[in-house]
């Protein structure tokens, strides 16, 4: 008679511990986001120098340096990371694969191919107009082309997979689309070698071009995507039990999968259009959340967005300050740190 109360007590104690860990994670993410935001305002061309920051704030160009350059870059990096973390959590829940990332369905290849086309076109027409006008048109065209290219890549994947009914077919279609569009981009750079440098900058990822207009676009996208994905969190919980179980609950799986793919493409397209290809953030952020505070998707999705924002903002601050006055490409830094974490995780599991 004493077994049932004891087991109930253990279960309630474990549930209390889980809730405590989730609250601690949320608090830690909030503190880190605030601290890194302050660091993002402080770090500049001279690295982490408080005296230089005081001079920048009190100088005649304070509004330009802090208000128009560092502040939007800091907030933009936070929101780009949040979009990638959210998209990664959706991808891993949708495909029931902890190695799924936001670029899985051809969005990265589509964005890269579209950017290469714009760069090649701008180099061909730039001789007929002023250099400043060509640079402006190139920048606006790159943002729009990257977003459109990411969506087109996902659309091609859906067409090749004949919808979102089968997850395995969708993954294979994404691989095929990525290879084909990647090869097409390489062909364009072969024809127009001047576009190769711009493509390299895009592939390495950068937050140096973010302005307030980018911040508002990213904020609008996050405000739309996050509530909708959280509303579909129970569907992801059901999908984690298998398609048969989810179908037995009366869920319209094809329409739900399509909606989740569209949301993932929206988040990825917005992030890629503003920063280029930033690696591993969308893959690592959900890993860290589930490792420290396992929870249903209603919590995991929001926490992954917060974790992704903190990770990318930390990488951006490090990229600006490590070898100042030069900057490291933020995508290279996230690839090194994220890849190192996954290698350590695989090594630990193999040893265990």
C-alpha atoms as a PDB file:
ATOM      1  CA  UNK A   1       0.000   0.000   0.000  1.00  0.00           C
ATOM      2  CA  UNK A   2       2.983   2.310   0.523  1.00  0.00           C
ATOM      3  CA  UNK A   3       4.359   1.896  -3.023  1.00  0.00           C
ATOM      4  CA  UNK A   4       1.779   4.042  -4.784  1.00  0.00           C
ATOM      5  CA  UNK A   5       2.163   7.081  -2.485  1.00  0.00           C
ATOM      6  CA  UNK A   6       5.959   6.791  -2.736  1.00  0.00           C
ATOM      7  CA  UNK A   7       5.901   6.667  -6.533  1.00  0.00           C
ATOM      8  CA  UNK A   8       3.465   9.576  -6.602  1.00  0.00           C
ATOM      9  CA  UNK A   9       5.761  11.563  -4.350  1.00  0.00           C
ATOM     10  CA  UNK A  10       8.774  10.841  -6.592  1.00  0.00           C
ATOM     11  CA  UNK A  11       6.840  11.846  -9.704  1.00  0.00           C
ATOM     12  CA  UNK A  12       5.679  15.115  -8.129  1.00  0.00           C
ATOM     13  CA  UNK A  13       9.222  15.829  -6.945  1.00  0.00           C
ATOM     14  CA  UNK A  14      10.589  15.264 -10.456  1.00  0.00           C
ATOM     15  CA  UNK A  15       7.907  17.517 -11.925  1.00  0.00           C
ATOM     16  CA  UNK A  16       8.793  20.233  -9.407  1.00  0.00           C
ATOM     17  CA  UNK A  17      12.479  19.923 -10.339  1.00  0.00           C
ATOM     18  CA  UNK A  18      11.617  20.220 -14.043  1.00  0.00           C
ATOM     19  CA  UNK A  19       9.578  23.365 -13.439  1.00  0.00           C
ATOM     20  CA  UNK A  20      12.420  24.826 -11.388  1.00  0.00           C
ATOM     21  CA  UNK A  21      14.945  24.144 -14.134  1.00  0.00           C
ATOM     22  CA  UNK A  22      12.669  25.745 -16.717  1.00  0.00           C
ATOM     23  CA  UNK A  23      12.252  28.878 -14.615  1.00  0.00           C
ATOM     24  CA  UNK A  24      15.994  29.057 -14.057  1.00  0.00           C
ATOM     25  CA  UNK A  25      16.660  28.736 -17.762  1.00  0.00           C
ATOM     26  CA  UNK A  26      14.228  31.545 -18.589  1.00  0.00           C
ATOM     27  CA  UNK A  27      15.806  33.763 -15.944  1.00  0.00           C
ATOM     28  CA  UNK A  28      19.324  32.948 -17.185  1.00  0.00           C
ATOM     29  CA  UNK A  29      18.368  33.737 -20.779  1.00  0.00           C
ATOM     30  CA  UNK A  30      16.864  37.076 -19.752  1.00  0.00           C
ATOM     31  CA  UNK A  31      19.968  38.046 -17.748  1.00  0.00           C
ATOM     32  CA  UNK A  32      22.295  36.983 -20.560  1.00  0.00           C
ATOM     33  CA  UNK A  33      20.255  38.847 -23.168  1.00  0.00           C
ATOM     34  CA  UNK A  34      20.426  42.067 -21.134  1.00  0.00           C
ATOM     35  CA  UNK A  35      24.134  41.687 -20.338  1.00  0.00           C
ATOM     36  CA  UNK A  36      25.045  40.876 -23.950  1.00  0.00           C
ATOM     37  CA  UNK A  37      22.931  43.774 -25.220  1.00  0.00           C
ATOM     38  CA  UNK A  38      24.909  46.146 -22.999  1.00  0.00           C
ATOM     39  CA  UNK A  39      28.129  44.536 -24.235  1.00  0.00           C
ATOM     40  CA  UNK A  40      26.934  44.996 -27.813  1.00  0.00           C
ATOM     41  CA  UNK A  41      26.534  48.726 -27.189  1.00  0.00           C
ATOM     42  CA  UNK A  42      29.974  48.986 -25.578  1.00  0.00           C
ATOM     43  CA  UNK A  43      32.160  46.994 -27.965  1.00  0.00           C
ATOM     44  CA  UNK A  44      33.372  48.968 -30.944  1.00  0.00           C
ATOM     45  CA  UNK A  45      36.264  49.347 -33.331  1.00  0.00           C
ATOM     46  CA  UNK A  46      38.696  49.379 -30.397  1.00  0.00           C
ATOM     47  CA  UNK A  47      37.274  46.247 -28.805  1.00  0.00           C
ATOM     48  CA  UNK A  48      36.047  46.138 -25.218  1.00  0.00           C
ATOM     49  CA  UNK A  49      37.122  49.571 -24.064  1.00  0.00           C
ATOM     50  CA  UNK A  50      34.974  51.368 -21.530  1.00  0.00           C
ATOM     51  CA  UNK A  51      36.908  54.592 -22.055  1.00  0.00           C
ATOM     52  CA  UNK A  52      36.315  54.426 -25.783  1.00  0.00           C
ATOM     53  CA  UNK A  53      32.604  53.818 -25.133  1.00  0.00           C
ATOM     54  CA  UNK A  54      32.392  56.855 -22.834  1.00  0.00           C
ATOM     55  CA  UNK A  55      34.147  58.893 -25.497  1.00  0.00           C
ATOM     56  CA  UNK A  56      31.718  57.643 -28.149  1.00  0.00           C
ATOM     57  CA  UNK A  57      28.694  58.431 -26.005  1.00  0.00           C
ATOM     58  CA  UNK A  58      29.850  61.907 -25.035  1.00  0.00           C
ATOM     59  CA  UNK A  59      31.190  62.762 -28.506  1.00  0.00           C
ATOM     60  CA  UNK A  60      29.411  64.632 -31.282  1.00  0.00           C
ATOM     61  CA  UNK A  61      28.691  61.397 -33.200  1.00  0.00           C
ATOM     62  CA  UNK A  62      27.124  59.538 -30.270  1.00  0.00           C
ATOM     63  CA  UNK A  63      23.747  59.178 -31.970  1.00  0.00           C
ATOM     64  CA  UNK A  64      25.342  57.810 -35.122  1.00  0.00           C
ATOM     65  CA  UNK A  65      27.766  55.381 -33.460  1.00  0.00           C
ATOM     66  CA  UNK A  66      25.563  54.033 -30.678  1.00  0.00           C
ATOM     67  CA  UNK A  67      22.043  54.816 -31.815  1.00  0.00           C
ATOM     68  CA  UNK A  68      22.287  54.077 -35.520  1.00  0.00           C
ATOM     69  CA  UNK A  69      25.035  51.434 -35.730  1.00  0.00           C
ATOM     70  CA  UNK A  70      25.554  49.449 -32.527  1.00  0.00           C
ATOM     71  CA  UNK A  71      21.989  49.447 -31.158  1.00  0.00           C
ATOM     72  CA  UNK A  72      20.228  48.111 -34.291  1.00  0.00           C
ATOM     73  CA  UNK A  73      23.032  45.635 -34.869  1.00  0.00           C
ATOM     74  CA  UNK A  74      22.715  44.320 -31.316  1.00  0.00           C
ATOM     75  CA  UNK A  75      18.920  44.030 -31.400  1.00  0.00           C
ATOM     76  CA  UNK A  76      18.988  42.638 -34.930  1.00  0.00           C
ATOM     77  CA  UNK A  77      21.474  39.903 -33.973  1.00  0.00           C
ATOM     78  CA  UNK A  78      19.260  38.982 -31.021  1.00  0.00           C
ATOM     79  CA  UNK A  79      16.185  38.611 -33.238  1.00  0.00           C
ATOM     80  CA  UNK A  80      17.981  36.794 -36.062  1.00  0.00           C
ATOM     81  CA  UNK A  81      19.202  34.239 -33.544  1.00  0.00           C
ATOM     82  CA  UNK A  82      15.687  33.957 -32.130  1.00  0.00           C
ATOM     83  CA  UNK A  83      14.243  33.262 -35.588  1.00  0.00           C
ATOM     84  CA  UNK A  84      16.889  30.621 -36.295  1.00  0.00           C
ATOM     85  CA  UNK A  85      16.426  28.991 -32.882  1.00  0.00           C
ATOM     86  CA  UNK A  86      12.661  28.886 -33.372  1.00  0.00           C
ATOM     87  CA  UNK A  87      13.006  27.461 -36.893  1.00  0.00           C
ATOM     88  CA  UNK A  88      15.437  24.831 -35.618  1.00  0.00           C
ATOM     89  CA  UNK A  89      13.061  23.730 -32.874  1.00  0.00           C
ATOM     90  CA  UNK A  90      10.232  23.452 -35.412  1.00  0.00           C
ATOM     91  CA  UNK A  91      12.428  21.430 -37.802  1.00  0.00           C
ATOM     92  CA  UNK A  92      13.571  19.012 -35.106  1.00  0.00           C
ATOM     93  CA  UNK A  93      10.038  18.539 -33.823  1.00  0.00           C
ATOM     94  CA  UNK A  94       8.543  18.178 -37.289  1.00  0.00           C
ATOM     95  CA  UNK A  95      11.033  15.579 -38.506  1.00  0.00           C
ATOM     96  CA  UNK A  96      11.604  13.977 -35.087  1.00  0.00           C
ATOM     97  CA  UNK A  97      15.322  14.343 -35.727  1.00  0.00           C
ATOM     98  CA  UNK A  98      17.677  16.138 -33.304  1.00  0.00           C
ATOM     99  CA  UNK A  99      20.088  16.846 -36.194  1.00  0.00           C
ATOM    100  CA  UNK A 100      17.537  18.750 -38.297  1.00  0.00           C
ATOM    101  CA  UNK A 101      18.309  22.428 -38.849  1.00  0.00           C
ATOM    102  CA  UNK A 102      16.455  25.357 -40.487  1.00  0.00           C
ATOM    103  CA  UNK A 103      18.394  25.051 -43.756  1.00  0.00           C
ATOM    104  CA  UNK A 104      17.288  21.485 -44.345  1.00  0.00           C
ATOM    105  CA  UNK A 105      14.628  22.130 -46.984  1.00  0.00           C
ATOM    106  CA  UNK A 106      16.658  24.082 -49.525  1.00  0.00           C
ATOM    107  CA  UNK A 107      16.232  27.547 -48.052  1.00  0.00           C
ATOM    108  CA  UNK A 108      19.971  28.175 -47.719  1.00  0.00           C
ATOM    109  CA  UNK A 109      20.737  27.011 -51.261  1.00  0.00           C
ATOM    110  CA  UNK A 110      17.846  29.029 -52.665  1.00  0.00           C
ATOM    111  CA  UNK A 111      18.919  32.191 -50.856  1.00  0.00           C
ATOM    112  CA  UNK A 112      22.541  31.744 -51.927  1.00  0.00           C
ATOM    113  CA  UNK A 113      21.591  31.183 -55.567  1.00  0.00           C
ATOM    114  CA  UNK A 114      19.342  34.257 -55.636  1.00  0.00           C
ATOM    115  CA  UNK A 115      22.066  36.410 -54.069  1.00  0.00           C
ATOM    116  CA  UNK A 116      24.589  35.224 -56.651  1.00  0.00           C
ATOM    117  CA  UNK A 117      22.184  36.168 -59.454  1.00  0.00           C
ATOM    118  CA  UNK A 118      21.729  39.677 -58.027  1.00  0.00           C
ATOM    119  CA  UNK A 119      25.466  40.146 -57.545  1.00  0.00           C
ATOM    120  CA  UNK A 120      26.204  38.960 -61.060  1.00  0.00           C
ATOM    121  CA  UNK A 121      23.548  41.301 -62.485  1.00  0.00           C
ATOM    122  CA  UNK A 122      24.821  44.269 -60.458  1.00  0.00           C
ATOM    123  CA  UNK A 123      28.397  43.751 -61.646  1.00  0.00           C
ATOM    124  CA  UNK A 124      27.213  43.719 -65.245  1.00  0.00           C
ATOM    125  CA  UNK A 125      25.083  46.873 -64.909  1.00  0.00           C
ATOM    126  CA  UNK A 126      27.213  48.716 -62.340  1.00  0.00           C
ATOM    127  CA  UNK A 127      29.420  50.233 -65.033  1.00  0.00           C
ATOM    128  CA  UNK A 128      26.486  52.185 -66.457  1.00  0.00           C
ATOM    129  CA  UNK A 129      25.600  53.920 -63.157  1.00  0.00           C
ATOM    130  CA  UNK A 130      27.486  55.457 -60.260  1.00  0.00           C
ATOM    131  CA  UNK A 131      29.265  53.202 -57.784  1.00  0.00           C
ATOM    132  CA  UNK A 132      27.192  54.491 -54.836  1.00  0.00           C
ATOM    133  CA  UNK A 133      23.923  53.813 -56.652  1.00  0.00           C
ATOM    134  CA  UNK A 134      25.125  50.370 -57.662  1.00  0.00           C
ATOM    135  CA  UNK A 135      26.077  49.545 -54.074  1.00  0.00           C
ATOM    136  CA  UNK A 136      22.679  50.689 -52.763  1.00  0.00           C
ATOM    137  CA  UNK A 137      20.762  48.729 -55.374  1.00  0.00           C
ATOM    138  CA  UNK A 138      22.946  45.718 -54.701  1.00  0.00           C
ATOM    139  CA  UNK A 139      22.250  45.854 -50.955  1.00  0.00           C
ATOM    140  CA  UNK A 140      18.467  46.220 -51.373  1.00  0.00           C
ATOM    141  CA  UNK A 141      18.454  43.536 -54.055  1.00  0.00           C
ATOM    142  CA  UNK A 142      20.444  41.125 -51.921  1.00  0.00           C
ATOM    143  CA  UNK A 143      18.014  41.379 -48.987  1.00  0.00           C
ATOM    144  CA  UNK A 144      14.944  40.885 -51.170  1.00  0.00           C
ATOM    145  CA  UNK A 145      16.592  38.179 -53.272  1.00  0.00           C
ATOM    146  CA  UNK A 146      17.794  36.205 -50.242  1.00  0.00           C
ATOM    147  CA  UNK A 147      14.302  36.173 -48.726  1.00  0.00           C
ATOM    148  CA  UNK A 148      12.630  35.275 -52.010  1.00  0.00           C
ATOM    149  CA  UNK A 149      15.279  32.690 -52.827  1.00  0.00           C
ATOM    150  CA  UNK A 150      14.845  30.960 -49.474  1.00  0.00           C
ATOM    151  CA  UNK A 151      11.094  30.712 -50.011  1.00  0.00           C
ATOM    152  CA  UNK A 152      11.534  29.496 -53.590  1.00  0.00           C
ATOM    153  CA  UNK A 153      13.973  26.824 -52.411  1.00  0.00           C
ATOM    154  CA  UNK A 154      11.432  25.511 -49.914  1.00  0.00           C
ATOM    155  CA  UNK A 155       8.678  25.702 -52.559  1.00  0.00           C
ATOM    156  CA  UNK A 156      10.772  23.618 -54.962  1.00  0.00           C
ATOM    157  CA  UNK A 157      11.334  21.094 -52.195  1.00  0.00           C
ATOM    158  CA  UNK A 158       7.592  20.853 -51.554  1.00  0.00           C
ATOM    159  CA  UNK A 159       6.889  20.433 -55.254  1.00  0.00           C
ATOM    160  CA  UNK A 160       9.523  17.730 -55.618  1.00  0.00           C
ATOM    161  CA  UNK A 161       8.237  15.919 -52.512  1.00  0.00           C
ATOM    162  CA  UNK A 162       4.613  16.327 -53.704  1.00  0.00           C
ATOM    163  CA  UNK A 163       3.601  18.101 -50.541  1.00  0.00           C
ATOM    164  CA  UNK A 164       4.508  17.620 -46.903  1.00  0.00           C
ATOM    165  CA  UNK A 165       2.795  14.268 -46.338  1.00  0.00           C
ATOM    166  CA  UNK A 166       5.959  12.186 -45.942  1.00  0.00           C
ATOM    167  CA  UNK A 167       8.832  13.473 -43.850  1.00  0.00           C
ATOM    168  CA  UNK A 168      11.505  11.231 -45.395  1.00  0.00           C
ATOM    169  CA  UNK A 169      10.570  12.249 -48.930  1.00  0.00           C
ATOM    170  CA  UNK A 170      10.614  15.897 -47.857  1.00  0.00           C
ATOM    171  CA  UNK A 171      14.120  15.557 -46.429  1.00  0.00           C
ATOM    172  CA  UNK A 172      15.438  13.832 -49.552  1.00  0.00           C
ATOM    173  CA  UNK A 173      13.841  16.480 -51.762  1.00  0.00           C
ATOM    174  CA  UNK A 174      15.521  19.176 -49.686  1.00  0.00           C
ATOM    175  CA  UNK A 175      18.907  17.533 -50.204  1.00  0.00           C
ATOM    176  CA  UNK A 176      18.349  17.320 -53.967  1.00  0.00           C
ATOM    177  CA  UNK A 177      17.219  20.943 -54.227  1.00  0.00           C
ATOM    178  CA  UNK A 178      20.197  22.073 -52.169  1.00  0.00           C
ATOM    179  CA  UNK A 179      22.680  20.254 -54.405  1.00  0.00           C
ATOM    180  CA  UNK A 180      21.096  21.478 -57.655  1.00  0.00           C
ATOM    181  CA  UNK A 181      20.800  25.122 -56.577  1.00  0.00           C
ATOM    182  CA  UNK A 182      24.286  25.053 -55.122  1.00  0.00           C
ATOM    183  CA  UNK A 183      25.683  23.815 -58.421  1.00  0.00           C
ATOM    184  CA  UNK A 184      23.709  26.473 -60.301  1.00  0.00           C
ATOM    185  CA  UNK A 185      25.186  29.157 -58.047  1.00  0.00           C
ATOM    186  CA  UNK A 186      28.697  27.864 -58.696  1.00  0.00           C
ATOM    187  CA  UNK A 187      27.995  28.003 -62.434  1.00  0.00           C
ATOM    188  CA  UNK A 188      26.932  31.660 -62.191  1.00  0.00           C
ATOM    189  CA  UNK A 189      30.089  32.593 -60.273  1.00  0.00           C
ATOM    190  CA  UNK A 190      32.132  30.834 -62.944  1.00  0.00           C
ATOM    191  CA  UNK A 191      30.525  33.011 -65.602  1.00  0.00           C
ATOM    192  CA  UNK A 192      30.742  36.169 -63.446  1.00  0.00           C
ATOM    193  CA  UNK A 193      33.783  35.863 -61.140  1.00  0.00           C
ATOM    194  CA  UNK A 194      33.140  39.315 -59.625  1.00  0.00           C
ATOM    195  CA  UNK A 195      30.121  37.874 -57.803  1.00  0.00           C
ATOM    196  CA  UNK A 196      32.276  35.359 -55.952  1.00  0.00           C
ATOM    197  CA  UNK A 197      33.412  37.761 -53.227  1.00  0.00           C
ATOM    198  CA  UNK A 198      29.860  38.883 -52.488  1.00  0.00           C
ATOM    199  CA  UNK A 199      28.754  35.270 -52.341  1.00  0.00           C
ATOM    200  CA  UNK A 200      31.570  34.497 -49.897  1.00  0.00           C
ATOM    201  CA  UNK A 201      30.487  37.324 -47.586  1.00  0.00           C
ATOM    202  CA  UNK A 202      26.917  36.059 -47.718  1.00  0.00           C
ATOM    203  CA  UNK A 203      27.950  32.471 -47.014  1.00  0.00           C
ATOM    204  CA  UNK A 204      30.101  33.488 -44.025  1.00  0.00           C
ATOM    205  CA  UNK A 205      27.301  35.487 -42.406  1.00  0.00           C
ATOM    206  CA  UNK A 206      27.466  39.036 -41.102  1.00  0.00           C
ATOM    207  CA  UNK A 207      25.434  41.322 -38.837  1.00  0.00           C
ATOM    208  CA  UNK A 208      27.356  44.429 -39.875  1.00  0.00           C
ATOM    209  CA  UNK A 209      24.687  45.661 -42.300  1.00  0.00           C
ATOM    210  CA  UNK A 210      21.769  45.669 -39.862  1.00  0.00           C
ATOM    211  CA  UNK A 211      19.873  48.930 -39.417  1.00  0.00           C
ATOM    212  CA  UNK A 212      16.631  49.959 -37.790  1.00  0.00           C
ATOM    213  CA  UNK A 213      14.641  49.015 -40.887  1.00  0.00           C
ATOM    214  CA  UNK A 214      16.017  45.476 -40.560  1.00  0.00           C
ATOM    215  CA  UNK A 215      15.126  45.407 -36.871  1.00  0.00           C
ATOM    216  CA  UNK A 216      11.487  46.287 -37.541  1.00  0.00           C
ATOM    217  CA  UNK A 217      11.211  43.654 -40.275  1.00  0.00           C
ATOM    218  CA  UNK A 218      12.727  40.992 -38.018  1.00  0.00           C
ATOM    219  CA  UNK A 219      10.519  42.019 -35.104  1.00  0.00           C
ATOM    220  CA  UNK A 220       7.393  41.790 -37.257  1.00  0.00           C
ATOM    221  CA  UNK A 221       8.375  38.334 -38.481  1.00  0.00           C
ATOM    222  CA  UNK A 222       9.099  37.098 -34.970  1.00  0.00           C
ATOM    223  CA  UNK A 223       5.836  38.552 -33.661  1.00  0.00           C
ATOM    224  CA  UNK A 224       3.934  36.633 -36.335  1.00  0.00           C
ATOM    225  CA  UNK A 225       5.808  33.328 -36.239  1.00  0.00           C
ATOM    226  CA  UNK A 226       6.298  32.781 -32.501  1.00  0.00           C
ATOM    227  CA  UNK A 227       2.614  32.836 -31.405  1.00  0.00           C
ATOM    228  CA  UNK A 228       1.552  30.611 -34.305  1.00  0.00           C
ATOM    229  CA  UNK A 229       4.254  28.022 -33.672  1.00  0.00           C
ATOM    230  CA  UNK A 230       3.502  27.986 -29.953  1.00  0.00           C
ATOM    231  CA  UNK A 231      -0.152  27.414 -30.800  1.00  0.00           C
ATOM    232  CA  UNK A 232       0.902  24.368 -32.851  1.00  0.00           C
ATOM    233  CA  UNK A 233       3.104  23.062 -30.029  1.00  0.00           C
ATOM    234  CA  UNK A 234       0.625  20.340 -29.035  1.00  0.00           C
ATOM    235  CA  UNK A 235       0.653  19.094 -32.606  1.00  0.00           C
ATOM    236  CA  UNK A 236       4.429  18.701 -32.409  1.00  0.00           C
ATOM    237  CA  UNK A 237       3.975  16.831 -29.122  1.00  0.00           C
ATOM    238  CA  UNK A 238       1.575  14.465 -30.873  1.00  0.00           C
ATOM    239  CA  UNK A 239       3.926  14.026 -33.849  1.00  0.00           C
ATOM    240  CA  UNK A 240       6.705  13.034 -31.471  1.00  0.00           C
ATOM    241  CA  UNK A 241       4.628   9.939 -30.645  1.00  0.00           C
ATOM    242  CA  UNK A 242       4.490   8.901 -34.302  1.00  0.00           C
ATOM    243  CA  UNK A 243       2.300   9.605 -37.308  1.00  0.00           C
ATOM    244  CA  UNK A 244      -0.173   6.837 -36.492  1.00  0.00           C
ATOM    245  CA  UNK A 245      -0.753   8.182 -32.999  1.00  0.00           C
ATOM    246  CA  UNK A 246      -1.115  11.738 -34.264  1.00  0.00           C
ATOM    247  CA  UNK A 247      -3.557  10.620 -36.972  1.00  0.00           C
ATOM    248  CA  UNK A 248      -5.577   8.668 -34.410  1.00  0.00           C
ATOM    249  CA  UNK A 249      -6.128  11.958 -32.555  1.00  0.00           C
ATOM    250  CA  UNK A 250      -7.868  13.352 -35.616  1.00  0.00           C
ATOM    251  CA  UNK A 251      -5.092  15.747 -36.643  1.00  0.00           C
ATOM    252  CA  UNK A 252      -4.963  16.782 -40.322  1.00  0.00           C
ATOM    253  CA  UNK A 253      -1.281  15.906 -40.680  1.00  0.00           C
ATOM    254  CA  UNK A 254      -0.668  17.076 -44.293  1.00  0.00           C
ATOM    255  CA  UNK A 255      -2.067  20.570 -43.634  1.00  0.00           C
ATOM    256  CA  UNK A 256      -0.284  20.865 -40.300  1.00  0.00           C
ATOM    257  CA  UNK A 257       3.046  19.775 -41.783  1.00  0.00           C
ATOM    258  CA  UNK A 258       2.617  22.288 -44.585  1.00  0.00           C
ATOM    259  CA  UNK A 259       1.870  25.073 -42.096  1.00  0.00           C
ATOM    260  CA  UNK A 260       4.954  24.183 -40.049  1.00  0.00           C
ATOM    261  CA  UNK A 261       7.138  24.099 -43.169  1.00  0.00           C
ATOM    262  CA  UNK A 262       5.826  27.530 -44.205  1.00  0.00           C
ATOM    263  CA  UNK A 263       6.554  28.939 -40.741  1.00  0.00           C
ATOM    264  CA  UNK A 264      10.034  27.446 -40.792  1.00  0.00           C
ATOM    265  CA  UNK A 265      10.657  28.928 -44.243  1.00  0.00           C
ATOM    266  CA  UNK A 266       9.400  32.347 -43.085  1.00  0.00           C
ATOM    267  CA  UNK A 267      11.718  32.407 -40.068  1.00  0.00           C
ATOM    268  CA  UNK A 268      14.710  31.146 -42.045  1.00  0.00           C
ATOM    269  CA  UNK A 269      14.096  33.444 -44.994  1.00  0.00           C
ATOM    270  CA  UNK A 270      13.890  36.543 -42.803  1.00  0.00           C
ATOM    271  CA  UNK A 271      17.031  35.636 -40.877  1.00  0.00           C
ATOM    272  CA  UNK A 272      19.039  34.737 -43.980  1.00  0.00           C
ATOM    273  CA  UNK A 273      17.956  37.850 -45.867  1.00  0.00           C
ATOM    274  CA  UNK A 274      19.379  40.112 -43.155  1.00  0.00           C
ATOM    275  CA  UNK A 275      22.542  38.285 -42.059  1.00  0.00           C
ATOM    276  CA  UNK A 276      23.479  35.699 -44.657  1.00  0.00           C
ATOM    277  CA  UNK A 277      24.025  32.069 -43.696  1.00  0.00           C
ATOM    278  CA  UNK A 278      24.711  31.764 -39.968  1.00  0.00           C
ATOM    279  CA  UNK A 279      25.570  28.160 -39.192  1.00  0.00           C
ATOM    280  CA  UNK A 280      24.647  25.924 -36.253  1.00  0.00           C
ATOM    281  CA  UNK A 281      22.530  28.387 -34.233  1.00  0.00           C
ATOM    282  CA  UNK A 282      19.268  26.750 -35.274  1.00  0.00           C
ATOM    283  CA  UNK A 283      20.748  23.311 -34.643  1.00  0.00           C
ATOM    284  CA  UNK A 284      22.413  23.918 -31.275  1.00  0.00           C
ATOM    285  CA  UNK A 285      19.822  26.142 -29.565  1.00  0.00           C
ATOM    286  CA  UNK A 286      17.091  23.455 -29.232  1.00  0.00           C
ATOM    287  CA  UNK A 287      19.772  20.956 -28.135  1.00  0.00           C
ATOM    288  CA  UNK A 288      20.820  23.169 -25.242  1.00  0.00           C
ATOM    289  CA  UNK A 289      17.222  23.792 -24.168  1.00  0.00           C
ATOM    290  CA  UNK A 290      16.271  20.115 -24.187  1.00  0.00           C
ATOM    291  CA  UNK A 291      19.506  19.117 -22.475  1.00  0.00           C
ATOM    292  CA  UNK A 292      19.049  21.438 -19.520  1.00  0.00           C
ATOM    293  CA  UNK A 293      15.247  21.655 -19.260  1.00  0.00           C
ATOM    294  CA  UNK A 294      13.322  18.929 -21.140  1.00  0.00           C
ATOM    295  CA  UNK A 295       9.762  20.077 -21.662  1.00  0.00           C
ATOM    296  CA  UNK A 296       6.809  19.922 -24.058  1.00  0.00           C
ATOM    297  CA  UNK A 297       7.109  21.913 -27.248  1.00  0.00           C
ATOM    298  CA  UNK A 298       5.093  24.823 -25.874  1.00  0.00           C
ATOM    299  CA  UNK A 299       8.106  25.633 -23.710  1.00  0.00           C
ATOM    300  CA  UNK A 300      10.838  24.309 -26.000  1.00  0.00           C
ATOM    301  CA  UNK A 301       9.848  26.516 -28.939  1.00  0.00           C
ATOM    302  CA  UNK A 302       9.898  29.765 -26.973  1.00  0.00           C
ATOM    303  CA  UNK A 303      13.018  28.812 -25.016  1.00  0.00           C
ATOM    304  CA  UNK A 304      14.832  27.818 -28.230  1.00  0.00           C
ATOM    305  CA  UNK A 305      14.059  31.249 -29.667  1.00  0.00           C
ATOM    306  CA  UNK A 306      15.542  32.860 -26.574  1.00  0.00           C
ATOM    307  CA  UNK A 307      18.553  30.556 -26.624  1.00  0.00           C
ATOM    308  CA  UNK A 308      19.178  31.225 -30.314  1.00  0.00           C
ATOM    309  CA  UNK A 309      19.050  34.972 -29.732  1.00  0.00           C
ATOM    310  CA  UNK A 310      21.536  34.756 -26.860  1.00  0.00           C
ATOM    311  CA  UNK A 311      23.898  32.497 -28.830  1.00  0.00           C
ATOM    312  CA  UNK A 312      24.022  34.705 -31.910  1.00  0.00           C
ATOM    313  CA  UNK A 313      24.327  37.906 -29.882  1.00  0.00           C
ATOM    314  CA  UNK A 314      27.209  36.384 -27.910  1.00  0.00           C
ATOM    315  CA  UNK A 315      28.891  35.338 -31.164  1.00  0.00           C
ATOM    316  CA  UNK A 316      28.370  38.826 -32.601  1.00  0.00           C
ATOM    317  CA  UNK A 317      29.945  40.504 -29.555  1.00  0.00           C
ATOM    318  CA  UNK A 318      32.895  38.120 -29.709  1.00  0.00           C
ATOM    319  CA  UNK A 319      33.279  38.619 -33.448  1.00  0.00           C
ATOM    320  CA  UNK A 320      33.515  42.375 -32.952  1.00  0.00           C
ATOM    321  CA  UNK A 321      35.915  42.304 -30.015  1.00  0.00           C
ATOM    322  CA  UNK A 322      38.265  39.350 -30.359  1.00  0.00           C
ATOM    323  CA  UNK A 323      40.644  40.792 -32.952  1.00  0.00           C
ATOM    324  CA  UNK A 324      39.550  44.464 -32.953  1.00  0.00           C
ATOM    325  CA  UNK A 325      39.821  46.652 -34.968  1.00  0.00           C
ATOM    326  CA  UNK A 326      39.153  43.799 -37.418  1.00  0.00           C
ATOM    327  CA  UNK A 327      35.999  41.700 -37.277  1.00  0.00           C
ATOM    328  CA  UNK A 328      35.523  37.980 -37.555  1.00  0.00           C
ATOM    329  CA  UNK A 329      32.627  36.733 -39.725  1.00  0.00           C
ATOM    330  CA  UNK A 330      29.947  35.846 -37.208  1.00  0.00           C
ATOM    331  CA  UNK A 331      28.945  32.762 -39.206  1.00  0.00           C
ATOM    332  CA  UNK A 332      32.466  31.373 -38.929  1.00  0.00           C
ATOM    333  CA  UNK A 333      32.424  31.872 -35.165  1.00  0.00           C
ATOM    334  CA  UNK A 334      29.048  30.157 -34.726  1.00  0.00           C
ATOM    335  CA  UNK A 335      30.236  27.265 -36.922  1.00  0.00           C
ATOM    336  CA  UNK A 336      33.378  26.773 -34.836  1.00  0.00           C
ATOM    337  CA  UNK A 337      31.589  27.017 -31.491  1.00  0.00           C
ATOM    338  CA  UNK A 338      28.506  25.048 -32.569  1.00  0.00           C
ATOM    339  CA  UNK A 339      30.520  22.369 -34.315  1.00  0.00           C
ATOM    340  CA  UNK A 340      32.791  22.073 -31.293  1.00  0.00           C
ATOM    341  CA  UNK A 341      29.789  21.622 -29.013  1.00  0.00           C
ATOM    342  CA  UNK A 342      28.318  18.872 -31.182  1.00  0.00           C
ATOM    343  CA  UNK A 343      31.668  17.072 -31.393  1.00  0.00           C
ATOM    344  CA  UNK A 344      31.959  17.215 -27.614  1.00  0.00           C
ATOM    345  CA  UNK A 345      28.406  15.911 -27.280  1.00  0.00           C
ATOM    346  CA  UNK A 346      29.070  12.998 -29.626  1.00  0.00           C
ATOM    347  CA  UNK A 347      32.319  12.180 -27.829  1.00  0.00           C
ATOM    348  CA  UNK A 348      30.585  12.227 -24.453  1.00  0.00           C
ATOM    349  CA  UNK A 349      27.825   9.899 -25.653  1.00  0.00           C
ATOM    350  CA  UNK A 350      30.361   7.505 -27.165  1.00  0.00           C
ATOM    351  CA  UNK A 351      32.383   7.442 -23.939  1.00  0.00           C
ATOM    352  CA  UNK A 352      29.232   7.050 -21.855  1.00  0.00           C
END
